[in-house]
Amino acid sequence: MNEKEISIIIWNKYKNRLFKIFFIETNIIKIMAAWDQSLREMFRQHDKDMSGFIGKEDILVMLLNADKVKENDPIFKTNLRFLINIIKEADKDGDQKISFEEFKEYINKASEQST
């Protein structure tokens, strides 16, 4: 048996597994890209001053834009607490604001801990 015949036998034996692995890896990449896009959108929603960072200014913008009804809204309060906590916990370099990378790391770590 020559090298080409051996290659064909190996290919025929393992091609289904290889296609499954390729399919799984392709889907994982798509899922990761969708997750990253979701995180970017979440980050943009909290980056009220569009500075590229989430910081005290963004909390201030939320408070200034809040009316009395909104201040009693549990979703508003949850978002506000979320911003305050994320700035405290995710700010790795101590500059009182978080970059997208710090945000992403924080969210991913929180997701891992909840599972």
PDB file of N, CA and C in Angstrom:
ATOM      1  N   MET A   1       0.856  -1.171   0.000  1.00  0.00           N
ATOM      2  CA  MET A   1       0.000   0.000   0.000  1.00  0.00           C
ATOM      3  C   MET A   1       0.905   1.238   0.000  1.00  0.00           C
ATOM      4  N   ASN A   2       0.595   2.162  -0.891  1.00  0.00           N
ATOM      5  CA  ASN A   2       1.426   3.368  -0.963  1.00  0.00           C
ATOM      6  C   ASN A   2       0.865   4.479  -0.073  1.00  0.00           C
ATOM      7  N   GLU A   3       1.603   5.570  -0.029  1.00  0.00           N
ATOM      8  CA  GLU A   3       1.244   6.692   0.859  1.00  0.00           C
ATOM      9  C   GLU A   3      -0.108   7.301   0.504  1.00  0.00           C
ATOM     10  N   LYS A   4      -0.396   7.390  -0.788  1.00  0.00           N
ATOM     11  CA  LYS A   4      -1.666   7.976  -1.229  1.00  0.00           C
ATOM     12  C   LYS A   4      -2.841   7.110  -0.779  1.00  0.00           C
ATOM     13  N   GLU A   5      -2.713   5.806  -0.915  1.00  0.00           N
ATOM     14  CA  GLU A   5      -3.779   4.897  -0.504  1.00  0.00           C
ATOM     15  C   GLU A   5      -4.003   4.956   1.013  1.00  0.00           C
ATOM     16  N   ILE A   6      -2.906   5.049   1.749  1.00  0.00           N
ATOM     17  CA  ILE A   6      -3.011   5.176   3.208  1.00  0.00           C
ATOM     18  C   ILE A   6      -3.727   6.474   3.571  1.00  0.00           C
ATOM     19  N   SER A   7      -3.384   7.547   2.870  1.00  0.00           N
ATOM     20  CA  SER A   7      -4.041   8.845   3.112  1.00  0.00           C
ATOM     21  C   SER A   7      -5.531   8.767   2.840  1.00  0.00           C
ATOM     22  N   ILE A   8      -5.908   8.085   1.770  1.00  0.00           N
ATOM     23  CA  ILE A   8      -7.326   7.946   1.413  1.00  0.00           C
ATOM     24  C   ILE A   8      -8.062   7.140   2.489  1.00  0.00           C
ATOM     25  N   ILE A   9      -7.453   6.072   2.951  1.00  0.00           N
ATOM     26  CA  ILE A   9      -8.071   5.247   3.999  1.00  0.00           C
ATOM     27  C   ILE A   9      -8.257   6.064   5.279  1.00  0.00           C
ATOM     28  N   ILE A  10      -7.220   6.786   5.659  1.00  0.00           N
ATOM     29  CA  ILE A  10      -7.303   7.624   6.865  1.00  0.00           C
ATOM     30  C   ILE A  10      -8.371   8.695   6.691  1.00  0.00           C
ATOM     31  N   TRP A  11      -8.380   9.348   5.526  1.00  0.00           N
ATOM     32  CA  TRP A  11      -9.378  10.387   5.252  1.00  0.00           C
ATOM     33  C   TRP A  11     -10.783   9.816   5.367  1.00  0.00           C
ATOM     34  N   ASN A  12     -11.020   8.671   4.710  1.00  0.00           N
ATOM     35  CA  ASN A  12     -12.350   8.065   4.746  1.00  0.00           C
ATOM     36  C   ASN A  12     -12.763   7.670   6.160  1.00  0.00           C
ATOM     37  N   LYS A  13     -11.797   7.238   6.941  1.00  0.00           N
ATOM     38  CA  LYS A  13     -12.100   6.818   8.305  1.00  0.00           C
ATOM     39  C   LYS A  13     -12.446   8.003   9.210  1.00  0.00           C
ATOM     40  N   TYR A  14     -11.754   9.123   9.023  1.00  0.00           N
ATOM     41  CA  TYR A  14     -11.885  10.241   9.967  1.00  0.00           C
ATOM     42  C   TYR A  14     -12.598  11.477   9.422  1.00  0.00           C
ATOM     43  N   LYS A  15     -13.010  11.461   8.157  1.00  0.00           N
ATOM     44  CA  LYS A  15     -13.589  12.680   7.574  1.00  0.00           C
ATOM     45  C   LYS A  15     -14.848  13.146   8.301  1.00  0.00           C
ATOM     46  N   ASN A  16     -15.704  12.218   8.720  1.00  0.00           N
ATOM     47  CA  ASN A  16     -16.921  12.629   9.430  1.00  0.00           C
ATOM     48  C   ASN A  16     -16.588  13.332  10.738  1.00  0.00           C
ATOM     49  N   ARG A  17     -15.608  12.796  11.451  1.00  0.00           N
ATOM     50  CA  ARG A  17     -15.180  13.441  12.699  1.00  0.00           C
ATOM     51  C   ARG A  17     -14.590  14.817  12.424  1.00  0.00           C
ATOM     52  N   LEU A  18     -13.784  14.900  11.374  1.00  0.00           N
ATOM     53  CA  LEU A  18     -13.173  16.190  11.028  1.00  0.00           C
ATOM     54  C   LEU A  18     -14.233  17.225  10.667  1.00  0.00           C
ATOM     55  N   PHE A  19     -15.245  16.812   9.897  1.00  0.00           N
ATOM     56  CA  PHE A  19     -16.322  17.733   9.545  1.00  0.00           C
ATOM     57  C   PHE A  19     -17.098  18.175  10.782  1.00  0.00           C
ATOM     58  N   LYS A  20     -17.335  17.238  11.707  1.00  0.00           N
ATOM     59  CA  LYS A  20     -18.030  17.591  12.949  1.00  0.00           C
ATOM     60  C   LYS A  20     -17.217  18.592  13.760  1.00  0.00           C
ATOM     61  N   ILE A  21     -15.914  18.338  13.872  1.00  0.00           N
ATOM     62  CA  ILE A  21     -15.044  19.261  14.606  1.00  0.00           C
ATOM     63  C   ILE A  21     -15.052  20.630  13.946  1.00  0.00           C
ATOM     64  N   PHE A  22     -14.944  20.650  12.607  1.00  0.00           N
ATOM     65  CA  PHE A  22     -14.962  21.916  11.878  1.00  0.00           C
ATOM     66  C   PHE A  22     -16.284  22.639  12.101  1.00  0.00           C
ATOM     67  N   PHE A  23     -17.391  21.902  12.030  1.00  0.00           N
ATOM     68  CA  PHE A  23     -18.715  22.484  12.230  1.00  0.00           C
ATOM     69  C   PHE A  23     -18.845  23.065  13.635  1.00  0.00           C
ATOM     70  N   ILE A  24     -18.404  22.309  14.627  1.00  0.00           N
ATOM     71  CA  ILE A  24     -18.478  22.773  16.016  1.00  0.00           C
ATOM     72  C   ILE A  24     -17.621  24.012  16.214  1.00  0.00           C
ATOM     73  N   GLU A  25     -16.383  23.983  15.708  1.00  0.00           N
ATOM     74  CA  GLU A  25     -15.493  25.136  15.860  1.00  0.00           C
ATOM     75  C   GLU A  25     -16.058  26.368  15.161  1.00  0.00           C
ATOM     76  N   THR A  26     -16.632  26.173  13.977  1.00  0.00           N
ATOM     77  CA  THR A  26     -17.235  27.292  13.249  1.00  0.00           C
ATOM     78  C   THR A  26     -18.380  27.892  14.053  1.00  0.00           C
ATOM     79  N   ASN A  27     -19.217  27.040  14.634  1.00  0.00           N
ATOM     80  CA  ASN A  27     -20.336  27.537  15.444  1.00  0.00           C
ATOM     81  C   ASN A  27     -19.855  28.223  16.714  1.00  0.00           C
ATOM     82  N   ILE A  28     -18.812  27.698  17.325  1.00  0.00           N
ATOM     83  CA  ILE A  28     -18.258  28.335  18.522  1.00  0.00           C
ATOM     84  C   ILE A  28     -17.757  29.730  18.182  1.00  0.00           C
ATOM     85  N   ILE A  29     -17.083  29.862  17.051  1.00  0.00           N
ATOM     86  CA  ILE A  29     -16.589  31.174  16.618  1.00  0.00           C
ATOM     87  C   ILE A  29     -17.757  32.132  16.399  1.00  0.00           C
ATOM     88  N   LYS A  30     -18.829  31.649  15.773  1.00  0.00           N
ATOM     89  CA  LYS A  30     -20.014  32.492  15.545  1.00  0.00           C
ATOM     90  C   LYS A  30     -20.656  32.913  16.869  1.00  0.00           C
ATOM     91  N   ILE A  31     -20.752  31.974  17.797  1.00  0.00           N
ATOM     92  CA  ILE A  31     -21.341  32.277  19.105  1.00  0.00           C
ATOM     93  C   ILE A  31     -20.494  33.301  19.845  1.00  0.00           C
ATOM     94  N   MET A  32     -19.170  33.113  19.797  1.00  0.00           N
ATOM     95  CA  MET A  32     -18.276  34.059  20.468  1.00  0.00           C
ATOM     96  C   MET A  32     -18.377  35.448  19.844  1.00  0.00           C
ATOM     97  N   ALA A  33     -18.500  35.513  18.522  1.00  0.00           N
ATOM     98  CA  ALA A  33     -18.636  36.805  17.846  1.00  0.00           C
ATOM     99  C   ALA A  33     -19.955  37.476  18.234  1.00  0.00           C
ATOM    100  N   ALA A  34     -21.024  36.694  18.312  1.00  0.00           N
ATOM    101  CA  ALA A  34     -22.323  37.250  18.715  1.00  0.00           C
ATOM    102  C   ALA A  34     -22.271  37.728  20.164  1.00  0.00           C
ATOM    103  N   TRP A  35     -21.605  36.975  21.044  1.00  0.00           N
ATOM    104  CA  TRP A  35     -21.450  37.366  22.444  1.00  0.00           C
ATOM    105  C   TRP A  35     -20.671  38.672  22.535  1.00  0.00           C
ATOM    106  N   ASP A  36     -19.574  38.759  21.782  1.00  0.00           N
ATOM    107  CA  ASP A  36     -18.754  39.967  21.786  1.00  0.00           C
ATOM    108  C   ASP A  36     -19.573  41.169  21.308  1.00  0.00           C
ATOM    109  N   GLN A  37     -20.380  40.964  20.275  1.00  0.00           N
ATOM    110  CA  GLN A  37     -21.224  42.047  19.758  1.00  0.00           C
ATOM    111  C   GLN A  37     -22.258  42.468  20.801  1.00  0.00           C
ATOM    112  N   SER A  38     -22.830  41.505  21.514  1.00  0.00           N
ATOM    113  CA  SER A  38     -23.794  41.822  22.577  1.00  0.00           C
ATOM    114  C   SER A  38     -23.132  42.635  23.685  1.00  0.00           C
ATOM    115  N   LEU A  39     -21.907  42.244  24.051  1.00  0.00           N
ATOM    116  CA  LEU A  39     -21.179  42.987  25.083  1.00  0.00           C
ATOM    117  C   LEU A  39     -20.875  44.406  24.622  1.00  0.00           C
ATOM    118  N   ARG A  40     -20.494  44.554  23.354  1.00  0.00           N
ATOM    119  CA  ARG A  40     -20.208  45.900  22.827  1.00  0.00           C
ATOM    120  C   ARG A  40     -21.452  46.782  22.876  1.00  0.00           C
ATOM    121  N   GLU A  41     -22.595  46.199  22.526  1.00  0.00           N
ATOM    122  CA  GLU A  41     -23.845  46.961  22.558  1.00  0.00           C
ATOM    123  C   GLU A  41     -24.204  47.340  23.997  1.00  0.00           C
ATOM    124  N   MET A  42     -24.047  46.407  24.928  1.00  0.00           N
ATOM    125  CA  MET A  42     -24.312  46.689  26.336  1.00  0.00           C
ATOM    126  C   MET A  42     -23.386  47.801  26.835  1.00  0.00           C
ATOM    127  N   PHE A  43     -22.119  47.730  26.444  1.00  0.00           N
ATOM    128  CA  PHE A  43     -21.143  48.746  26.839  1.00  0.00           C
ATOM    129  C   PHE A  43     -21.562  50.118  26.299  1.00  0.00           C
ATOM    130  N   ARG A  44     -21.945  50.151  25.013  1.00  0.00           N
ATOM    131  CA  ARG A  44     -22.367  51.429  24.400  1.00  0.00           C
ATOM    132  C   ARG A  44     -23.588  52.009  25.111  1.00  0.00           C
ATOM    133  N   GLN A  45     -24.508  51.157  25.530  1.00  0.00           N
ATOM    134  CA  GLN A  45     -25.706  51.636  26.224  1.00  0.00           C
ATOM    135  C   GLN A  45     -25.364  52.295  27.552  1.00  0.00           C
ATOM    136  N   HIS A  46     -24.312  51.834  28.206  1.00  0.00           N
ATOM    137  CA  HIS A  46     -23.922  52.404  29.493  1.00  0.00           C
ATOM    138  C   HIS A  46     -22.903  53.529  29.357  1.00  0.00           C
ATOM    139  N   ASP A  47     -22.277  53.644  28.206  1.00  0.00           N
ATOM    140  CA  ASP A  47     -21.315  54.723  27.955  1.00  0.00           C
ATOM    141  C   ASP A  47     -22.093  55.944  27.462  1.00  0.00           C
ATOM    142  N   LYS A  48     -22.785  56.597  28.394  1.00  0.00           N
ATOM    143  CA  LYS A  48     -23.718  57.676  28.053  1.00  0.00           C
ATOM    144  C   LYS A  48     -23.050  58.863  27.372  1.00  0.00           C
ATOM    145  N   ASP A  49     -21.812  59.176  27.774  1.00  0.00           N
ATOM    146  CA  ASP A  49     -21.140  60.332  27.175  1.00  0.00           C
ATOM    147  C   ASP A  49     -20.293  59.946  25.959  1.00  0.00           C
ATOM    148  N   MET A  50     -20.383  58.687  25.546  1.00  0.00           N
ATOM    149  CA  MET A  50     -19.691  58.157  24.367  1.00  0.00           C
ATOM    150  C   MET A  50     -18.191  58.453  24.380  1.00  0.00           C
ATOM    151  N   SER A  51     -17.583  58.306  25.553  1.00  0.00           N
ATOM    152  CA  SER A  51     -16.153  58.565  25.703  1.00  0.00           C
ATOM    153  C   SER A  51     -15.301  57.336  25.405  1.00  0.00           C
ATOM    154  N   GLY A  52     -15.958  56.176  25.274  1.00  0.00           N
ATOM    155  CA  GLY A  52     -15.210  54.936  25.111  1.00  0.00           C
ATOM    156  C   GLY A  52     -14.901  54.285  26.444  1.00  0.00           C
ATOM    157  N   PHE A  53     -15.408  54.891  27.513  1.00  0.00           N
ATOM    158  CA  PHE A  53     -15.230  54.364  28.863  1.00  0.00           C
ATOM    159  C   PHE A  53     -16.546  54.490  29.608  1.00  0.00           C
ATOM    160  N   ILE A  54     -16.734  53.657  30.615  1.00  0.00           N
ATOM    161  CA  ILE A  54     -17.854  53.820  31.536  1.00  0.00           C
ATOM    162  C   ILE A  54     -17.246  54.350  32.824  1.00  0.00           C
ATOM    163  N   GLY A  55     -17.732  55.521  33.239  1.00  0.00           N
ATOM    164  CA  GLY A  55     -17.172  56.149  34.431  1.00  0.00           C
ATOM    165  C   GLY A  55     -18.219  56.916  35.211  1.00  0.00           C
ATOM    166  N   LYS A  56     -17.742  57.703  36.151  1.00  0.00           N
ATOM    167  CA  LYS A  56     -18.638  58.490  37.002  1.00  0.00           C
ATOM    168  C   LYS A  56     -19.514  59.427  36.175  1.00  0.00           C
ATOM    169  N   GLU A  57     -18.965  59.922  35.083  1.00  0.00           N
ATOM    170  CA  GLU A  57     -19.730  60.832  34.224  1.00  0.00           C
ATOM    171  C   GLU A  57     -20.988  60.153  33.692  1.00  0.00           C
ATOM    172  N   ASP A  58     -20.870  58.874  33.380  1.00  0.00           N
ATOM    173  CA  ASP A  58     -22.021  58.142  32.854  1.00  0.00           C
ATOM    174  C   ASP A  58     -23.099  57.961  33.918  1.00  0.00           C
ATOM    175  N   ILE A  59     -22.677  57.745  35.157  1.00  0.00           N
ATOM    176  CA  ILE A  59     -23.638  57.661  36.263  1.00  0.00           C
ATOM    177  C   ILE A  59     -24.314  59.014  36.447  1.00  0.00           C
ATOM    178  N   LEU A  60     -23.528  60.069  36.374  1.00  0.00           N
ATOM    179  CA  LEU A  60     -24.073  61.419  36.500  1.00  0.00           C
ATOM    180  C   LEU A  60     -25.085  61.706  35.394  1.00  0.00           C
ATOM    181  N   VAL A  61     -24.771  61.329  34.168  1.00  0.00           N
ATOM    182  CA  VAL A  61     -25.699  61.528  33.047  1.00  0.00           C
ATOM    183  C   VAL A  61     -26.998  60.772  33.307  1.00  0.00           C
ATOM    184  N   MET A  62     -26.894  59.533  33.799  1.00  0.00           N
ATOM    185  CA  MET A  62     -28.105  58.768  34.121  1.00  0.00           C
ATOM    186  C   MET A  62     -28.943  59.482  35.171  1.00  0.00           C
ATOM    187  N   LEU A  63     -28.284  59.988  36.209  1.00  0.00           N
ATOM    188  CA  LEU A  63     -29.013  60.668  37.285  1.00  0.00           C
ATOM    189  C   LEU A  63     -29.637  61.970  36.810  1.00  0.00           C
ATOM    190  N   LEU A  64     -28.892  62.731  36.016  1.00  0.00           N
ATOM    191  CA  LEU A  64     -29.412  64.010  35.521  1.00  0.00           C
ATOM    192  C   LEU A  64     -30.586  63.819  34.574  1.00  0.00           C
ATOM    193  N   ASN A  65     -30.571  62.729  33.819  1.00  0.00           N
ATOM    194  CA  ASN A  65     -31.648  62.471  32.866  1.00  0.00           C
ATOM    195  C   ASN A  65     -32.846  61.774  33.502  1.00  0.00           C
ATOM    196  N   ALA A  66     -32.688  61.354  34.739  1.00  0.00           N
ATOM    197  CA  ALA A  66     -33.766  60.625  35.407  1.00  0.00           C
ATOM    198  C   ALA A  66     -34.797  61.599  35.952  1.00  0.00           C
ATOM    199  N   ASP A  67     -36.033  61.277  35.701  1.00  0.00           N
ATOM    200  CA  ASP A  67     -37.083  62.060  36.342  1.00  0.00           C
ATOM    201  C   ASP A  67     -37.505  61.318  37.615  1.00  0.00           C
ATOM    202  N   LYS A  68     -38.403  61.896  38.361  1.00  0.00           N
ATOM    203  CA  LYS A  68     -38.805  61.314  39.648  1.00  0.00           C
ATOM    204  C   LYS A  68     -39.424  59.926  39.468  1.00  0.00           C
ATOM    205  N   VAL A  69     -40.165  59.736  38.395  1.00  0.00           N
ATOM    206  CA  VAL A  69     -40.779  58.431  38.157  1.00  0.00           C
ATOM    207  C   VAL A  69     -39.692  57.391  37.911  1.00  0.00           C
ATOM    208  N   LYS A  70     -38.718  57.760  37.108  1.00  0.00           N
ATOM    209  CA  LYS A  70     -37.647  56.831  36.758  1.00  0.00           C
ATOM    210  C   LYS A  70     -36.806  56.449  37.976  1.00  0.00           C
ATOM    211  N   GLU A  71     -36.621  57.384  38.891  1.00  0.00           N
ATOM    212  CA  GLU A  71     -35.806  57.106  40.073  1.00  0.00           C
ATOM    213  C   GLU A  71     -36.398  55.993  40.927  1.00  0.00           C
ATOM    214  N   ASN A  72     -37.717  55.798  40.839  1.00  0.00           N
ATOM    215  CA  ASN A  72     -38.376  54.732  41.595  1.00  0.00           C
ATOM    216  C   ASN A  72     -38.511  53.442  40.786  1.00  0.00           C
ATOM    217  N   ASP A  73     -38.112  53.484  39.547  1.00  0.00           N
ATOM    218  CA  ASP A  73     -38.186  52.322  38.663  1.00  0.00           C
ATOM    219  C   ASP A  73     -37.112  51.301  39.061  1.00  0.00           C
ATOM    220  N   PRO A  74     -37.509  50.056  39.364  1.00  0.00           N
ATOM    221  CA  PRO A  74     -36.521  49.058  39.794  1.00  0.00           C
ATOM    222  C   PRO A  74     -35.463  48.757  38.725  1.00  0.00           C
ATOM    223  N   ILE A  75     -35.828  48.839  37.462  1.00  0.00           N
ATOM    224  CA  ILE A  75     -34.849  48.601  36.392  1.00  0.00           C
ATOM    225  C   ILE A  75     -33.808  49.709  36.380  1.00  0.00           C
ATOM    226  N   PHE A  76     -34.254  50.947  36.556  1.00  0.00           N
ATOM    227  CA  PHE A  76     -33.319  52.075  36.617  1.00  0.00           C
ATOM    228  C   PHE A  76     -32.363  51.897  37.793  1.00  0.00           C
ATOM    229  N   LYS A  77     -32.913  51.538  38.947  1.00  0.00           N
ATOM    230  CA  LYS A  77     -32.076  51.339  40.142  1.00  0.00           C
ATOM    231  C   LYS A  77     -31.084  50.197  39.935  1.00  0.00           C
ATOM    232  N   THR A  78     -31.535  49.134  39.305  1.00  0.00           N
ATOM    233  CA  THR A  78     -30.650  47.997  39.029  1.00  0.00           C
ATOM    234  C   THR A  78     -29.523  48.410  38.098  1.00  0.00           C
ATOM    235  N   ASN A  79     -29.849  49.153  37.042  1.00  0.00           N
ATOM    236  CA  ASN A  79     -28.814  49.634  36.116  1.00  0.00           C
ATOM    237  C   ASN A  79     -27.814  50.539  36.822  1.00  0.00           C
ATOM    238  N   LEU A  80     -28.312  51.396  37.677  1.00  0.00           N
ATOM    239  CA  LEU A  80     -27.444  52.314  38.416  1.00  0.00           C
ATOM    240  C   LEU A  80     -26.501  51.540  39.342  1.00  0.00           C
ATOM    241  N   ARG A  81     -27.056  50.586  40.078  1.00  0.00           N
ATOM    242  CA  ARG A  81     -26.215  49.747  40.952  1.00  0.00           C
ATOM    243  C   ARG A  81     -25.202  48.954  40.136  1.00  0.00           C
ATOM    244  N   PHE A  82     -25.648  48.457  38.993  1.00  0.00           N
ATOM    245  CA  PHE A  82     -24.765  47.704  38.104  1.00  0.00           C
ATOM    246  C   PHE A  82     -23.575  48.562  37.686  1.00  0.00           C
ATOM    247  N   LEU A  83     -23.852  49.794  37.268  1.00  0.00           N
ATOM    248  CA  LEU A  83     -22.768  50.693  36.848  1.00  0.00           C
ATOM    249  C   LEU A  83     -21.805  50.992  37.991  1.00  0.00           C
ATOM    250  N   ILE A  84     -22.353  51.283  39.144  1.00  0.00           N
ATOM    251  CA  ILE A  84     -21.496  51.605  40.299  1.00  0.00           C
ATOM    252  C   ILE A  84     -20.632  50.400  40.669  1.00  0.00           C
ATOM    253  N   ASN A  85     -21.239  49.214  40.732  1.00  0.00           N
ATOM    254  CA  ASN A  85     -20.485  48.002  41.078  1.00  0.00           C
ATOM    255  C   ASN A  85     -19.442  47.651  40.034  1.00  0.00           C
ATOM    256  N   ILE A  86     -19.815  47.786  38.779  1.00  0.00           N
ATOM    257  CA  ILE A  86     -18.867  47.406  37.734  1.00  0.00           C
ATOM    258  C   ILE A  86     -17.660  48.340  37.730  1.00  0.00           C
ATOM    259  N   ILE A  87     -17.886  49.609  38.007  1.00  0.00           N
ATOM    260  CA  ILE A  87     -16.755  50.543  38.057  1.00  0.00           C
ATOM    261  C   ILE A  87     -15.844  50.186  39.228  1.00  0.00           C
ATOM    262  N   LYS A  88     -16.445  49.851  40.372  1.00  0.00           N
ATOM    263  CA  LYS A  88     -15.642  49.467  41.544  1.00  0.00           C
ATOM    264  C   LYS A  88     -14.843  48.193  41.283  1.00  0.00           C
ATOM    265  N   GLU A  89     -15.503  47.182  40.737  1.00  0.00           N
ATOM    266  CA  GLU A  89     -14.901  45.857  40.630  1.00  0.00           C
ATOM    267  C   GLU A  89     -14.080  45.632  39.364  1.00  0.00           C
ATOM    268  N   ALA A  90     -14.437  46.268  38.279  1.00  0.00           N
ATOM    269  CA  ALA A  90     -13.783  45.975  36.999  1.00  0.00           C
ATOM    270  C   ALA A  90     -12.635  46.914  36.669  1.00  0.00           C
ATOM    271  N   ASP A  91     -12.519  47.998  37.407  1.00  0.00           N
ATOM    272  CA  ASP A  91     -11.479  48.994  37.118  1.00  0.00           C
ATOM    273  C   ASP A  91     -10.112  48.474  37.559  1.00  0.00           C
ATOM    274  N   LYS A  92      -9.400  47.843  36.645  1.00  0.00           N
ATOM    275  CA  LYS A  92      -8.116  47.210  36.968  1.00  0.00           C
ATOM    276  C   LYS A  92      -6.989  48.220  37.156  1.00  0.00           C
ATOM    277  N   ASP A  93      -7.030  49.320  36.407  1.00  0.00           N
ATOM    278  CA  ASP A  93      -5.911  50.273  36.477  1.00  0.00           C
ATOM    279  C   ASP A  93      -6.173  51.447  37.419  1.00  0.00           C
ATOM    280  N   GLY A  94      -7.332  51.450  38.088  1.00  0.00           N
ATOM    281  CA  GLY A  94      -7.613  52.452  39.108  1.00  0.00           C
ATOM    282  C   GLY A  94      -7.876  53.853  38.600  1.00  0.00           C
ATOM    283  N   ASP A  95      -8.277  53.986  37.329  1.00  0.00           N
ATOM    284  CA  ASP A  95      -8.512  55.323  36.773  1.00  0.00           C
ATOM    285  C   ASP A  95      -9.964  55.793  36.933  1.00  0.00           C
ATOM    286  N   GLN A  96     -10.753  55.067  37.728  1.00  0.00           N
ATOM    287  CA  GLN A  96     -12.155  55.408  38.026  1.00  0.00           C
ATOM    288  C   GLN A  96     -13.066  55.312  36.801  1.00  0.00           C
ATOM    289  N   LYS A  97     -12.642  54.583  35.805  1.00  0.00           N
ATOM    290  CA  LYS A  97     -13.477  54.321  34.634  1.00  0.00           C
ATOM    291  C   LYS A  97     -13.046  52.974  34.070  1.00  0.00           C
ATOM    292  N   ILE A  98     -13.925  52.374  33.281  1.00  0.00           N
ATOM    293  CA  ILE A  98     -13.566  51.083  32.721  1.00  0.00           C
ATOM    294  C   ILE A  98     -13.626  51.118  31.201  1.00  0.00           C
ATOM    295  N   SER A  99     -12.659  50.460  30.626  1.00  0.00           N
ATOM    296  CA  SER A  99     -12.600  50.322  29.171  1.00  0.00           C
ATOM    297  C   SER A  99     -13.483  49.150  28.754  1.00  0.00           C
ATOM    298  N   PHE A 100     -13.662  48.995  27.449  1.00  0.00           N
ATOM    299  CA  PHE A 100     -14.442  47.857  26.972  1.00  0.00           C
ATOM    300  C   PHE A 100     -13.794  46.548  27.401  1.00  0.00           C
ATOM    301  N   GLU A 101     -12.474  46.463  27.339  1.00  0.00           N
ATOM    302  CA  GLU A 101     -11.779  45.225  27.717  1.00  0.00           C
ATOM    303  C   GLU A 101     -12.001  44.890  29.195  1.00  0.00           C
ATOM    304  N   GLU A 102     -11.960  45.905  30.066  1.00  0.00           N
ATOM    305  CA  GLU A 102     -12.229  45.672  31.490  1.00  0.00           C
ATOM    306  C   GLU A 102     -13.680  45.227  31.688  1.00  0.00           C
ATOM    307  N   PHE A 103     -14.587  45.867  30.963  1.00  0.00           N
ATOM    308  CA  PHE A 103     -16.008  45.533  31.008  1.00  0.00           C
ATOM    309  C   PHE A 103     -16.229  44.084  30.579  1.00  0.00           C
ATOM    310  N   LYS A 104     -15.625  43.723  29.455  1.00  0.00           N
ATOM    311  CA  LYS A 104     -15.767  42.374  28.904  1.00  0.00           C
ATOM    312  C   LYS A 104     -15.230  41.326  29.884  1.00  0.00           C
ATOM    313  N   GLU A 105     -14.074  41.589  30.452  1.00  0.00           N
ATOM    314  CA  GLU A 105     -13.474  40.662  31.417  1.00  0.00           C
ATOM    315  C   GLU A 105     -14.384  40.491  32.636  1.00  0.00           C
ATOM    316  N   TYR A 106     -14.943  41.599  33.122  1.00  0.00           N
ATOM    317  CA  TYR A 106     -15.834  41.565  34.283  1.00  0.00           C
ATOM    318  C   TYR A 106     -17.097  40.750  33.980  1.00  0.00           C
ATOM    319  N   ILE A 107     -17.725  41.020  32.851  1.00  0.00           N
ATOM    320  CA  ILE A 107     -18.964  40.322  32.481  1.00  0.00           C
ATOM    321  C   ILE A 107     -18.692  38.833  32.274  1.00  0.00           C
ATOM    322  N   ASN A 108     -17.609  38.508  31.585  1.00  0.00           N
ATOM    323  CA  ASN A 108     -17.282  37.098  31.360  1.00  0.00           C
ATOM    324  C   ASN A 108     -17.030  36.367  32.673  1.00  0.00           C
ATOM    325  N   LYS A 109     -16.325  37.019  33.592  1.00  0.00           N
ATOM    326  CA  LYS A 109     -16.052  36.407  34.895  1.00  0.00           C
ATOM    327  C   LYS A 109     -17.361  36.217  35.669  1.00  0.00           C
ATOM    328  N   ALA A 110     -18.227  37.221  35.630  1.00  0.00           N
ATOM    329  CA  ALA A 110     -19.518  37.126  36.320  1.00  0.00           C
ATOM    330  C   ALA A 110     -20.370  36.012  35.710  1.00  0.00           C
ATOM    331  N   SER A 111     -20.321  35.862  34.395  1.00  0.00           N
ATOM    332  CA  SER A 111     -21.075  34.799  33.721  1.00  0.00           C
ATOM    333  C   SER A 111     -20.565  33.425  34.126  1.00  0.00           C
ATOM    334  N   GLU A 112     -19.244  33.287  34.209  1.00  0.00           N
ATOM    335  CA  GLU A 112     -18.657  32.005  34.613  1.00  0.00           C
ATOM    336  C   GLU A 112     -19.044  31.654  36.047  1.00  0.00           C
ATOM    337  N   GLN A 113     -19.073  32.652  36.920  1.00  0.00           N
ATOM    338  CA  GLN A 113     -19.399  32.408  38.325  1.00  0.00           C
ATOM    339  C   GLN A 113     -20.861  32.038  38.518  1.00  0.00           C
ATOM    340  N   SER A 114     -21.721  32.487  37.615  1.00  0.00           N
ATOM    341  CA  SER A 114     -23.151  32.212  37.763  1.00  0.00           C
ATOM    342  C   SER A 114     -23.542  30.846  37.211  1.00  0.00           C
ATOM    343  N   THR A 115     -22.615  30.192  36.515  1.00  0.00           N
ATOM    344  CA  THR A 115     -22.958  28.867  35.957  1.00  0.00           C
ATOM    345  C   THR A 115     -22.402  27.750  36.795  1.00  0.00           C
TER     346      THR A 115
END
